[in-house]
């Protein structure tokens, strides 16, 4: 994990921002875009923590928010060009570690079966 943190920082994102960008980027082009609620569930963090993380990423120019036209309570998240570039650069630098990261993301994305 230390190497992943170093790579993220080398590309001017925090480790949490990197994970945020991965999860938002994974939803782009899909029928259901990433939302704060979606990220709360996938990151296993509180709503306020995720909201602050998104706010900081937005201030850094990495993500944008867009309110749902059909439900004012829902905010969709997407990567900016800068966010997509930093994600791509960090992702590529991970090289062989990408497979392990992909497995981690699949685990996070899998619905919990109780």
PDB file of N, CA and C in Angstrom:
ATOM      1  N   UNK A   1       0.825  -1.195   0.000  1.00  0.00           N
ATOM      2  CA  UNK A   1       0.000   0.000   0.000  1.00  0.00           C
ATOM      3  C   UNK A   1       0.868   1.258   0.000  1.00  0.00           C
ATOM      4  N   UNK A   2       2.000   1.192   0.605  1.00  0.00           N
ATOM      5  CA  UNK A   2       2.888   2.359   0.664  1.00  0.00           C
ATOM      6  C   UNK A   2       3.254   2.843  -0.734  1.00  0.00           C
ATOM      7  N   UNK A   3       3.550   1.905  -1.635  1.00  0.00           N
ATOM      8  CA  UNK A   3       3.896   2.285  -3.006  1.00  0.00           C
ATOM      9  C   UNK A   3       2.724   2.987  -3.678  1.00  0.00           C
ATOM     10  N   UNK A   4       1.534   2.492  -3.474  1.00  0.00           N
ATOM     11  CA  UNK A   4       0.342   3.118  -4.051  1.00  0.00           C
ATOM     12  C   UNK A   4       0.181   4.550  -3.547  1.00  0.00           C
ATOM     13  N   UNK A   5       0.435   4.766  -2.264  1.00  0.00           N
ATOM     14  CA  UNK A   5       0.353   6.107  -1.699  1.00  0.00           C
ATOM     15  C   UNK A   5       1.394   7.022  -2.331  1.00  0.00           C
ATOM     16  N   UNK A   6       2.614   6.498  -2.503  1.00  0.00           N
ATOM     17  CA  UNK A   6       3.685   7.289  -3.115  1.00  0.00           C
ATOM     18  C   UNK A   6       3.340   7.662  -4.553  1.00  0.00           C
ATOM     19  N   UNK A   7       2.784   6.721  -5.289  1.00  0.00           N
ATOM     20  CA  UNK A   7       2.406   6.982  -6.679  1.00  0.00           C
ATOM     21  C   UNK A   7       1.314   8.042  -6.729  1.00  0.00           C
ATOM     22  N   UNK A   8       0.316   7.908  -5.877  1.00  0.00           N
ATOM     23  CA  UNK A   8      -0.769   8.900  -5.850  1.00  0.00           C
ATOM     24  C   UNK A   8      -0.202  10.289  -5.595  1.00  0.00           C
ATOM     25  N   UNK A   9       0.618  10.414  -4.586  1.00  0.00           N
ATOM     26  CA  UNK A   9       1.193  11.720  -4.242  1.00  0.00           C
ATOM     27  C   UNK A   9       2.083  12.267  -5.362  1.00  0.00           C
ATOM     28  N   UNK A  10       2.782  11.391  -6.047  1.00  0.00           N
ATOM     29  CA  UNK A  10       3.632  11.825  -7.162  1.00  0.00           C
ATOM     30  C   UNK A  10       2.783  12.460  -8.271  1.00  0.00           C
ATOM     31  N   UNK A  11       1.533  12.050  -8.352  1.00  0.00           N
ATOM     32  CA  UNK A  11       0.623  12.585  -9.372  1.00  0.00           C
ATOM     33  C   UNK A  11      -0.337  13.627  -8.788  1.00  0.00           C
ATOM     34  N   UNK A  12       0.077  14.193  -7.660  1.00  0.00           N
ATOM     35  CA  UNK A  12      -0.600  15.325  -7.032  1.00  0.00           C
ATOM     36  C   UNK A  12      -2.033  15.033  -6.582  1.00  0.00           C
ATOM     37  N   UNK A  13      -2.253  13.810  -6.106  1.00  0.00           N
ATOM     38  CA  UNK A  13      -3.513  13.459  -5.459  1.00  0.00           C
ATOM     39  C   UNK A  13      -3.190  12.719  -4.173  1.00  0.00           C
ATOM     40  N   UNK A  14      -4.065  12.841  -3.198  1.00  0.00           N
ATOM     41  CA  UNK A  14      -3.889  12.079  -1.972  1.00  0.00           C
ATOM     42  C   UNK A  14      -4.335  10.638  -2.235  1.00  0.00           C
ATOM     43  N   UNK A  15      -3.927   9.705  -1.385  1.00  0.00           N
ATOM     44  CA  UNK A  15      -4.393   8.324  -1.571  1.00  0.00           C
ATOM     45  C   UNK A  15      -5.929   8.213  -1.591  1.00  0.00           C
ATOM     46  N   UNK A  16      -6.599   8.972  -0.728  1.00  0.00           N
ATOM     47  CA  UNK A  16      -8.077   8.925  -0.740  1.00  0.00           C
ATOM     48  C   UNK A  16      -8.638   9.531  -2.014  1.00  0.00           C
ATOM     49  N   UNK A  17      -8.025  10.605  -2.503  1.00  0.00           N
ATOM     50  CA  UNK A  17      -8.483  11.196  -3.757  1.00  0.00           C
ATOM     51  C   UNK A  17      -8.295  10.213  -4.908  1.00  0.00           C
ATOM     52  N   UNK A  18      -7.189   9.483  -4.886  1.00  0.00           N
ATOM     53  CA  UNK A  18      -6.939   8.494  -5.932  1.00  0.00           C
ATOM     54  C   UNK A  18      -8.053   7.446  -5.949  1.00  0.00           C
ATOM     55  N   UNK A  19      -8.396   6.931  -4.782  1.00  0.00           N
ATOM     56  CA  UNK A  19      -9.478   5.955  -4.703  1.00  0.00           C
ATOM     57  C   UNK A  19     -10.797   6.571  -5.156  1.00  0.00           C
ATOM     58  N   UNK A  20     -11.045   7.806  -4.753  1.00  0.00           N
ATOM     59  CA  UNK A  20     -12.250   8.524  -5.184  1.00  0.00           C
ATOM     60  C   UNK A  20     -12.287   8.628  -6.707  1.00  0.00           C
ATOM     61  N   UNK A  21     -11.179   9.037  -7.309  1.00  0.00           N
ATOM     62  CA  UNK A  21     -11.118   9.158  -8.768  1.00  0.00           C
ATOM     63  C   UNK A  21     -11.333   7.814  -9.441  1.00  0.00           C
ATOM     64  N   UNK A  22     -10.757   6.754  -8.884  1.00  0.00           N
ATOM     65  CA  UNK A  22     -10.968   5.407  -9.443  1.00  0.00           C
ATOM     66  C   UNK A  22     -12.444   5.036  -9.447  1.00  0.00           C
ATOM     67  N   UNK A  23     -13.110   5.266  -8.332  1.00  0.00           N
ATOM     68  CA  UNK A  23     -14.521   4.878  -8.225  1.00  0.00           C
ATOM     69  C   UNK A  23     -15.421   5.736  -9.110  1.00  0.00           C
ATOM     70  N   UNK A  24     -15.137   7.031  -9.186  1.00  0.00           N
ATOM     71  CA  UNK A  24     -15.923   7.902 -10.070  1.00  0.00           C
ATOM     72  C   UNK A  24     -15.646   7.529 -11.525  1.00  0.00           C
ATOM     73  N   UNK A  25     -14.377   7.357 -11.863  1.00  0.00           N
ATOM     74  CA  UNK A  25     -14.003   6.998 -13.232  1.00  0.00           C
ATOM     75  C   UNK A  25     -14.599   5.678 -13.681  1.00  0.00           C
ATOM     76  N   UNK A  26     -14.712   4.734 -12.762  1.00  0.00           N
ATOM     77  CA  UNK A  26     -15.283   3.422 -13.094  1.00  0.00           C
ATOM     78  C   UNK A  26     -16.751   3.522 -13.492  1.00  0.00           C
ATOM     79  N   UNK A  27     -17.439   4.556 -13.015  1.00  0.00           N
ATOM     80  CA  UNK A  27     -18.863   4.721 -13.301  1.00  0.00           C
ATOM     81  C   UNK A  27     -19.123   5.553 -14.556  1.00  0.00           C
ATOM     82  N   UNK A  28     -18.095   6.242 -15.062  1.00  0.00           N
ATOM     83  CA  UNK A  28     -18.299   7.099 -16.230  1.00  0.00           C
ATOM     84  C   UNK A  28     -18.606   6.248 -17.450  1.00  0.00           C
ATOM     85  N   UNK A  29     -19.586   6.696 -18.223  1.00  0.00           N
ATOM     86  CA  UNK A  29     -20.013   5.939 -19.389  1.00  0.00           C
ATOM     87  C   UNK A  29     -21.042   4.876 -19.059  1.00  0.00           C
ATOM     88  N   UNK A  30     -21.345   4.698 -17.778  1.00  0.00           N
ATOM     89  CA  UNK A  30     -22.351   3.726 -17.348  1.00  0.00           C
ATOM     90  C   UNK A  30     -23.696   4.448 -17.218  1.00  0.00           C
ATOM     91  N   UNK A  31     -24.791   3.703 -17.265  1.00  0.00           N
ATOM     92  CA  UNK A  31     -26.104   4.343 -17.106  1.00  0.00           C
ATOM     93  C   UNK A  31     -26.252   5.076 -15.764  1.00  0.00           C
ATOM     94  N   UNK A  32     -25.694   4.507 -14.704  1.00  0.00           N
ATOM     95  CA  UNK A  32     -25.776   5.139 -13.386  1.00  0.00           C
ATOM     96  C   UNK A  32     -24.429   5.760 -13.052  1.00  0.00           C
ATOM     97  N   UNK A  33     -24.402   7.099 -12.954  1.00  0.00           N
ATOM     98  CA  UNK A  33     -23.169   7.793 -12.608  1.00  0.00           C
ATOM     99  C   UNK A  33     -22.918   7.708 -11.109  1.00  0.00           C
ATOM    100  N   UNK A  34     -21.696   8.012 -10.713  1.00  0.00           N
ATOM    101  CA  UNK A  34     -21.333   8.001  -9.299  1.00  0.00           C
ATOM    102  C   UNK A  34     -22.080   9.118  -8.565  1.00  0.00           C
ATOM    103  N   UNK A  35     -22.480   8.813  -7.342  1.00  0.00           N
ATOM    104  CA  UNK A  35     -23.133   9.792  -6.469  1.00  0.00           C
ATOM    105  C   UNK A  35     -22.433   9.755  -5.112  1.00  0.00           C
ATOM    106  N   UNK A  36     -22.716  10.767  -4.304  1.00  0.00           N
ATOM    107  CA  UNK A  36     -22.158  10.794  -2.945  1.00  0.00           C
ATOM    108  C   UNK A  36     -22.604   9.536  -2.191  1.00  0.00           C
ATOM    109  N   UNK A  37     -23.883   9.204  -2.276  1.00  0.00           N
ATOM    110  CA  UNK A  37     -24.420   8.034  -1.570  1.00  0.00           C
ATOM    111  C   UNK A  37     -23.716   6.761  -2.020  1.00  0.00           C
ATOM    112  N   UNK A  38     -23.497   6.637  -3.312  1.00  0.00           N
ATOM    113  CA  UNK A  38     -22.779   5.489  -3.865  1.00  0.00           C
ATOM    114  C   UNK A  38     -21.380   5.399  -3.266  1.00  0.00           C
ATOM    115  N   UNK A  39     -20.686   6.529  -3.186  1.00  0.00           N
ATOM    116  CA  UNK A  39     -19.322   6.542  -2.651  1.00  0.00           C
ATOM    117  C   UNK A  39     -19.295   6.253  -1.152  1.00  0.00           C
ATOM    118  N   UNK A  40     -20.310   6.712  -0.424  1.00  0.00           N
ATOM    119  CA  UNK A  40     -20.392   6.416   1.017  1.00  0.00           C
ATOM    120  C   UNK A  40     -20.414   4.906   1.212  1.00  0.00           C
ATOM    121  N   UNK A  41     -21.223   4.231   0.421  1.00  0.00           N
ATOM    122  CA  UNK A  41     -21.332   2.776   0.532  1.00  0.00           C
ATOM    123  C   UNK A  41     -20.036   2.082   0.112  1.00  0.00           C
ATOM    124  N   UNK A  42     -19.457   2.492  -0.986  1.00  0.00           N
ATOM    125  CA  UNK A  42     -18.278   1.815  -1.533  1.00  0.00           C
ATOM    126  C   UNK A  42     -16.998   2.103  -0.752  1.00  0.00           C
ATOM    127  N   UNK A  43     -16.893   3.306  -0.195  1.00  0.00           N
ATOM    128  CA  UNK A  43     -15.701   3.661   0.571  1.00  0.00           C
ATOM    129  C   UNK A  43     -15.834   3.324   2.057  1.00  0.00           C
ATOM    130  N   UNK A  44     -17.055   2.988   2.479  1.00  0.00           N
ATOM    131  CA  UNK A  44     -17.329   2.684   3.888  1.00  0.00           C
ATOM    132  C   UNK A  44     -16.902   3.843   4.793  1.00  0.00           C
ATOM    133  N   UNK A  45     -17.242   5.049   4.350  1.00  0.00           N
ATOM    134  CA  UNK A  45     -16.975   6.265   5.121  1.00  0.00           C
ATOM    135  C   UNK A  45     -18.303   6.947   5.405  1.00  0.00           C
ATOM    136  N   UNK A  46     -18.300   7.907   6.319  1.00  0.00           N
ATOM    137  CA  UNK A  46     -19.531   8.634   6.623  1.00  0.00           C
ATOM    138  C   UNK A  46     -19.858   9.602   5.496  1.00  0.00           C
ATOM    139  N   UNK A  47     -21.115   9.998   5.452  1.00  0.00           N
ATOM    140  CA  UNK A  47     -21.582  10.956   4.443  1.00  0.00           C
ATOM    141  C   UNK A  47     -20.775  12.253   4.517  1.00  0.00           C
ATOM    142  N   UNK A  48     -20.542  12.742   5.733  1.00  0.00           N
ATOM    143  CA  UNK A  48     -19.815  14.008   5.873  1.00  0.00           C
ATOM    144  C   UNK A  48     -18.362  13.873   5.414  1.00  0.00           C
ATOM    145  N   UNK A  49     -17.735  12.731   5.669  1.00  0.00           N
ATOM    146  CA  UNK A  49     -16.349  12.511   5.234  1.00  0.00           C
ATOM    147  C   UNK A  49     -16.265  12.473   3.715  1.00  0.00           C
ATOM    148  N   UNK A  50     -17.189  11.760   3.077  1.00  0.00           N
ATOM    149  CA  UNK A  50     -17.190  11.673   1.616  1.00  0.00           C
ATOM    150  C   UNK A  50     -17.505  13.036   1.006  1.00  0.00           C
ATOM    151  N   UNK A  51     -18.456  13.751   1.593  1.00  0.00           N
ATOM    152  CA  UNK A  51     -18.794  15.079   1.091  1.00  0.00           C
ATOM    153  C   UNK A  51     -17.582  16.005   1.151  1.00  0.00           C
ATOM    154  N   UNK A  52     -16.838  15.951   2.246  1.00  0.00           N
ATOM    155  CA  UNK A  52     -15.631  16.770   2.375  1.00  0.00           C
ATOM    156  C   UNK A  52     -14.564  16.333   1.371  1.00  0.00           C
ATOM    157  N   UNK A  53     -14.404  15.035   1.182  1.00  0.00           N
ATOM    158  CA  UNK A  53     -13.438  14.511   0.214  1.00  0.00           C
ATOM    159  C   UNK A  53     -13.789  14.989  -1.195  1.00  0.00           C
ATOM    160  N   UNK A  54     -15.060  14.924  -1.550  1.00  0.00           N
ATOM    161  CA  UNK A  54     -15.511  15.379  -2.865  1.00  0.00           C
ATOM    162  C   UNK A  54     -15.307  16.890  -2.991  1.00  0.00           C
ATOM    163  N   UNK A  55     -15.631  17.627  -1.938  1.00  0.00           N
ATOM    164  CA  UNK A  55     -15.467  19.078  -1.975  1.00  0.00           C
ATOM    165  C   UNK A  55     -13.998  19.452  -2.229  1.00  0.00           C
ATOM    166  N   UNK A  56     -13.086  18.790  -1.539  1.00  0.00           N
ATOM    167  CA  UNK A  56     -11.657  19.081  -1.730  1.00  0.00           C
ATOM    168  C   UNK A  56     -11.194  18.694  -3.136  1.00  0.00           C
ATOM    169  N   UNK A  57     -11.691  17.578  -3.643  1.00  0.00           N
ATOM    170  CA  UNK A  57     -11.342  17.160  -5.000  1.00  0.00           C
ATOM    171  C   UNK A  57     -11.906  18.150  -6.018  1.00  0.00           C
ATOM    172  N   UNK A  58     -13.093  18.664  -5.745  1.00  0.00           N
ATOM    173  CA  UNK A  58     -13.698  19.661  -6.629  1.00  0.00           C
ATOM    174  C   UNK A  58     -12.877  20.958  -6.597  1.00  0.00           C
ATOM    175  N   UNK A  59     -12.476  21.387  -5.415  1.00  0.00           N
ATOM    176  CA  UNK A  59     -11.659  22.589  -5.278  1.00  0.00           C
ATOM    177  C   UNK A  59     -10.308  22.438  -5.973  1.00  0.00           C
ATOM    178  N   UNK A  60      -9.793  21.210  -6.018  1.00  0.00           N
ATOM    179  CA  UNK A  60      -8.518  20.939  -6.688  1.00  0.00           C
ATOM    180  C   UNK A  60      -8.691  20.793  -8.201  1.00  0.00           C
ATOM    181  N   UNK A  61      -9.939  20.873  -8.668  1.00  0.00           N
ATOM    182  CA  UNK A  61     -10.200  20.773 -10.100  1.00  0.00           C
ATOM    183  C   UNK A  61     -10.221  19.355 -10.635  1.00  0.00           C
ATOM    184  N   UNK A  62     -10.413  18.370  -9.745  1.00  0.00           N
ATOM    185  CA  UNK A  62     -10.372  16.960 -10.143  1.00  0.00           C
ATOM    186  C   UNK A  62     -11.737  16.384 -10.504  1.00  0.00           C
ATOM    187  N   UNK A  63     -12.798  16.894  -9.884  1.00  0.00           N
ATOM    188  CA  UNK A  63     -14.144  16.383 -10.126  1.00  0.00           C
ATOM    189  C   UNK A  63     -15.130  17.538 -10.242  1.00  0.00           C
ATOM    190  N   UNK A  64     -16.269  17.245 -10.840  1.00  0.00           N
ATOM    191  CA  UNK A  64     -17.367  18.202 -10.887  1.00  0.00           C
ATOM    192  C   UNK A  64     -18.617  17.531 -10.328  1.00  0.00           C
ATOM    193  N   UNK A  65     -19.520  18.359  -9.847  1.00  0.00           N
ATOM    194  CA  UNK A  65     -20.813  17.874  -9.354  1.00  0.00           C
ATOM    195  C   UNK A  65     -21.912  18.422 -10.266  1.00  0.00           C
ATOM    196  N   UNK A  66     -22.968  17.621 -10.417  1.00  0.00           N
ATOM    197  CA  UNK A  66     -24.127  18.049 -11.201  1.00  0.00           C
ATOM    198  C   UNK A  66     -25.380  17.495 -10.528  1.00  0.00           C
ATOM    199  N   UNK A  67     -26.295  18.381 -10.209  1.00  0.00           N
ATOM    200  CA  UNK A  67     -27.555  17.959  -9.584  1.00  0.00           C
ATOM    201  C   UNK A  67     -28.411  17.181 -10.575  1.00  0.00           C
ATOM    202  N   UNK A  68     -29.077  16.178 -10.081  1.00  0.00           N
ATOM    203  CA  UNK A  68     -30.021  15.411 -10.889  1.00  0.00           C
ATOM    204  C   UNK A  68     -31.181  16.314 -11.263  1.00  0.00           C
ATOM    205  N   UNK A  69     -31.595  16.235 -12.506  1.00  0.00           N
ATOM    206  CA  UNK A  69     -32.745  17.027 -12.940  1.00  0.00           C
ATOM    207  C   UNK A  69     -34.047  16.454 -12.405  1.00  0.00           C
ATOM    208  N   UNK A  70     -34.056  15.156 -12.127  1.00  0.00           N
ATOM    209  CA  UNK A  70     -35.290  14.519 -11.674  1.00  0.00           C
ATOM    210  C   UNK A  70     -35.401  14.402 -10.152  1.00  0.00           C
ATOM    211  N   UNK A  71     -34.261  14.503  -9.435  1.00  0.00           N
ATOM    212  CA  UNK A  71     -34.276  14.371  -7.982  1.00  0.00           C
ATOM    213  C   UNK A  71     -33.225  15.310  -7.396  1.00  0.00           C
ATOM    214  N   UNK A  72     -33.658  16.412  -6.830  1.00  0.00           N
ATOM    215  CA  UNK A  72     -32.765  17.427  -6.297  1.00  0.00           C
ATOM    216  C   UNK A  72     -31.877  16.948  -5.159  1.00  0.00           C
ATOM    217  N   UNK A  73     -32.210  15.802  -4.569  1.00  0.00           N
ATOM    218  CA  UNK A  73     -31.378  15.267  -3.486  1.00  0.00           C
ATOM    219  C   UNK A  73     -30.141  14.552  -4.001  1.00  0.00           C
ATOM    220  N   UNK A  74     -30.126  14.242  -5.294  1.00  0.00           N
ATOM    221  CA  UNK A  74     -29.043  13.455  -5.881  1.00  0.00           C
ATOM    222  C   UNK A  74     -28.067  14.374  -6.615  1.00  0.00           C
ATOM    223  N   UNK A  75     -26.774  14.145  -6.365  1.00  0.00           N
ATOM    224  CA  UNK A  75     -25.714  14.869  -7.058  1.00  0.00           C
ATOM    225  C   UNK A  75     -24.824  13.861  -7.766  1.00  0.00           C
ATOM    226  N   UNK A  76     -24.671  14.039  -9.073  1.00  0.00           N
ATOM    227  CA  UNK A  76     -23.812  13.160  -9.857  1.00  0.00           C
ATOM    228  C   UNK A  76     -22.399  13.717  -9.890  1.00  0.00           C
ATOM    229  N   UNK A  77     -21.436  12.826  -9.880  1.00  0.00           N
ATOM    230  CA  UNK A  77     -20.028  13.212  -9.879  1.00  0.00           C
ATOM    231  C   UNK A  77     -19.358  12.727 -11.154  1.00  0.00           C
ATOM    232  N   UNK A  78     -18.467  13.547 -11.677  1.00  0.00           N
ATOM    233  CA  UNK A  78     -17.689  13.125 -12.842  1.00  0.00           C
ATOM    234  C   UNK A  78     -16.289  13.712 -12.748  1.00  0.00           C
ATOM    235  N   UNK A  79     -15.384  13.103 -13.473  1.00  0.00           N
ATOM    236  CA  UNK A  79     -13.997  13.561 -13.486  1.00  0.00           C
ATOM    237  C   UNK A  79     -13.865  14.754 -14.426  1.00  0.00           C
ATOM    238  N   UNK A  80     -13.032  15.697 -14.056  1.00  0.00           N
ATOM    239  CA  UNK A  80     -12.651  16.759 -14.974  1.00  0.00           C
ATOM    240  C   UNK A  80     -11.532  16.213 -15.860  1.00  0.00           C
ATOM    241  N   UNK A  81     -11.120  16.986 -16.846  1.00  0.00           N
ATOM    242  CA  UNK A  81      -9.993  16.564 -17.680  1.00  0.00           C
ATOM    243  C   UNK A  81      -8.743  16.376 -16.816  1.00  0.00           C
ATOM    244  N   UNK A  82      -8.527  17.284 -15.864  1.00  0.00           N
ATOM    245  CA  UNK A  82      -7.377  17.175 -14.965  1.00  0.00           C
ATOM    246  C   UNK A  82      -7.472  15.924 -14.104  1.00  0.00           C
ATOM    247  N   UNK A  83      -8.656  15.658 -13.541  1.00  0.00           N
ATOM    248  CA  UNK A  83      -8.855  14.463 -12.719  1.00  0.00           C
ATOM    249  C   UNK A  83      -8.623  13.195 -13.513  1.00  0.00           C
ATOM    250  N   UNK A  84      -9.139  13.163 -14.751  1.00  0.00           N
ATOM    251  CA  UNK A  84      -8.959  11.985 -15.609  1.00  0.00           C
ATOM    252  C   UNK A  84      -7.483  11.787 -15.954  1.00  0.00           C
ATOM    253  N   UNK A  85      -6.761  12.886 -16.208  1.00  0.00           N
ATOM    254  CA  UNK A  85      -5.340  12.784 -16.544  1.00  0.00           C
ATOM    255  C   UNK A  85      -4.522  12.284 -15.361  1.00  0.00           C
ATOM    256  N   UNK A  86      -4.784  12.819 -14.180  1.00  0.00           N
ATOM    257  CA  UNK A  86      -4.029  12.366 -12.997  1.00  0.00           C
ATOM    258  C   UNK A  86      -4.343  10.919 -12.663  1.00  0.00           C
ATOM    259  N   UNK A  87      -5.605  10.534 -12.813  1.00  0.00           N
ATOM    260  CA  UNK A  87      -5.982   9.136 -12.591  1.00  0.00           C
ATOM    261  C   UNK A  87      -5.263   8.234 -13.587  1.00  0.00           C
ATOM    262  N   UNK A  88      -5.285   8.603 -14.863  1.00  0.00           N
ATOM    263  CA  UNK A  88      -4.640   7.791 -15.897  1.00  0.00           C
ATOM    264  C   UNK A  88      -3.144   7.647 -15.626  1.00  0.00           C
ATOM    265  N   UNK A  89      -2.491   8.746 -15.301  1.00  0.00           N
ATOM    266  CA  UNK A  89      -1.045   8.710 -15.068  1.00  0.00           C
ATOM    267  C   UNK A  89      -0.697   7.828 -13.865  1.00  0.00           C
ATOM    268  N   UNK A  90      -1.431   7.978 -12.786  1.00  0.00           N
ATOM    269  CA  UNK A  90      -1.173   7.159 -11.595  1.00  0.00           C
ATOM    270  C   UNK A  90      -1.492   5.694 -11.876  1.00  0.00           C
ATOM    271  N   UNK A  91      -2.586   5.454 -12.573  1.00  0.00           N
ATOM    272  CA  UNK A  91      -3.000   4.090 -12.903  1.00  0.00           C
ATOM    273  C   UNK A  91      -1.922   3.389 -13.728  1.00  0.00           C
ATOM    274  N   UNK A  92      -1.399   4.089 -14.728  1.00  0.00           N
ATOM    275  CA  UNK A  92      -0.373   3.498 -15.581  1.00  0.00           C
ATOM    276  C   UNK A  92       0.916   3.212 -14.810  1.00  0.00           C
ATOM    277  N   UNK A  93       1.264   4.091 -13.873  1.00  0.00           N
ATOM    278  CA  UNK A  93       2.494   3.878 -13.113  1.00  0.00           C
ATOM    279  C   UNK A  93       2.412   2.662 -12.194  1.00  0.00           C
ATOM    280  N   UNK A  94       1.213   2.284 -11.828  1.00  0.00           N
ATOM    281  CA  UNK A  94       1.068   1.137 -10.932  1.00  0.00           C
ATOM    282  C   UNK A  94       1.522  -0.171 -11.568  1.00  0.00           C
ATOM    283  N   UNK A  95       1.544  -0.216 -12.891  1.00  0.00           N
ATOM    284  CA  UNK A  95       2.041  -1.407 -13.581  1.00  0.00           C
ATOM    285  C   UNK A  95       1.431  -2.686 -13.045  1.00  0.00           C
ATOM    286  N   UNK A  96       2.250  -3.637 -12.585  1.00  0.00           N
ATOM    287  CA  UNK A  96       1.750  -4.939 -12.133  1.00  0.00           C
ATOM    288  C   UNK A  96       0.798  -4.850 -10.942  1.00  0.00           C
ATOM    289  N   UNK A  97       0.873  -3.773 -10.205  1.00  0.00           N
ATOM    290  CA  UNK A  97      -0.011  -3.637  -9.044  1.00  0.00           C
ATOM    291  C   UNK A  97      -1.458  -3.387  -9.451  1.00  0.00           C
ATOM    292  N   UNK A  98      -1.677  -3.047 -10.720  1.00  0.00           N
ATOM    293  CA  UNK A  98      -3.039  -2.760 -11.174  1.00  0.00           C
ATOM    294  C   UNK A  98      -3.979  -3.929 -10.965  1.00  0.00           C
ATOM    295  N   UNK A  99      -3.510  -5.130 -11.187  1.00  0.00           N
ATOM    296  CA  UNK A  99      -4.382  -6.294 -11.006  1.00  0.00           C
ATOM    297  C   UNK A  99      -4.869  -6.396  -9.565  1.00  0.00           C
ATOM    298  N   UNK A 100      -3.954  -6.160  -8.613  1.00  0.00           N
ATOM    299  CA  UNK A 100      -4.356  -6.200  -7.203  1.00  0.00           C
ATOM    300  C   UNK A 100      -5.339  -5.069  -6.902  1.00  0.00           C
ATOM    301  N   UNK A 101      -5.098  -3.888  -7.465  1.00  0.00           N
ATOM    302  CA  UNK A 101      -6.021  -2.767  -7.261  1.00  0.00           C
ATOM    303  C   UNK A 101      -7.393  -3.077  -7.862  1.00  0.00           C
ATOM    304  N   UNK A 102      -7.392  -3.672  -9.036  1.00  0.00           N
ATOM    305  CA  UNK A 102      -8.646  -4.025  -9.685  1.00  0.00           C
ATOM    306  C   UNK A 102      -9.442  -5.003  -8.832  1.00  0.00           C
ATOM    307  N   UNK A 103      -8.761  -5.983  -8.256  1.00  0.00           N
ATOM    308  CA  UNK A 103      -9.432  -6.934  -7.365  1.00  0.00           C
ATOM    309  C   UNK A 103     -10.008  -6.224  -6.146  1.00  0.00           C
ATOM    310  N   UNK A 104      -9.263  -5.274  -5.591  1.00  0.00           N
ATOM    311  CA  UNK A 104      -9.749  -4.506  -4.448  1.00  0.00           C
ATOM    312  C   UNK A 104     -10.998  -3.725  -4.837  1.00  0.00           C
ATOM    313  N   UNK A 105     -10.968  -3.096  -5.998  1.00  0.00           N
ATOM    314  CA  UNK A 105     -12.139  -2.340  -6.457  1.00  0.00           C
ATOM    315  C   UNK A 105     -13.332  -3.246  -6.679  1.00  0.00           C
ATOM    316  N   UNK A 106     -13.099  -4.407  -7.228  1.00  0.00           N
ATOM    317  CA  UNK A 106     -14.206  -5.352  -7.431  1.00  0.00           C
ATOM    318  C   UNK A 106     -14.815  -5.758  -6.087  1.00  0.00           C
ATOM    319  N   UNK A 107     -13.949  -5.947  -5.101  1.00  0.00           N
ATOM    320  CA  UNK A 107     -14.440  -6.296  -3.764  1.00  0.00           C
ATOM    321  C   UNK A 107     -15.268  -5.156  -3.187  1.00  0.00           C
ATOM    322  N   UNK A 108     -14.769  -3.920  -3.351  1.00  0.00           N
ATOM    323  CA  UNK A 108     -15.502  -2.760  -2.855  1.00  0.00           C
ATOM    324  C   UNK A 108     -16.825  -2.572  -3.603  1.00  0.00           C
ATOM    325  N   UNK A 109     -16.810  -2.858  -4.878  1.00  0.00           N
ATOM    326  CA  UNK A 109     -17.989  -2.635  -5.709  1.00  0.00           C
ATOM    327  C   UNK A 109     -19.040  -3.736  -5.564  1.00  0.00           C
ATOM    328  N   UNK A 110     -18.617  -4.906  -5.121  1.00  0.00           N
ATOM    329  CA  UNK A 110     -19.547  -6.029  -4.990  1.00  0.00           C
ATOM    330  C   UNK A 110     -20.558  -5.745  -3.879  1.00  0.00           C
ATOM    331  N   UNK A 111     -21.820  -5.989  -4.157  1.00  0.00           N
ATOM    332  CA  UNK A 111     -22.815  -5.806  -3.092  1.00  0.00           C
ATOM    333  C   UNK A 111     -22.560  -6.768  -1.937  1.00  0.00           C
ATOM    334  N   UNK A 112     -22.833  -6.300  -0.742  1.00  0.00           N
ATOM    335  CA  UNK A 112     -22.650  -7.163   0.421  1.00  0.00           C
ATOM    336  C   UNK A 112     -23.767  -8.186   0.481  1.00  0.00           C
ATOM    337  N   UNK A 113     -23.379  -9.422   0.618  1.00  0.00           N
ATOM    338  CA  UNK A 113     -24.368 -10.505   0.737  1.00  0.00           C
ATOM    339  C   UNK A 113     -24.357 -10.980   2.183  1.00  0.00           C
ATOM    340  N   UNK A 114     -25.468 -10.735   2.876  1.00  0.00           N
ATOM    341  CA  UNK A 114     -25.550 -11.124   4.283  1.00  0.00           C
ATOM    342  C   UNK A 114     -26.344 -12.385   4.415  1.00  0.00           C
TER     343      UNK A 114
END
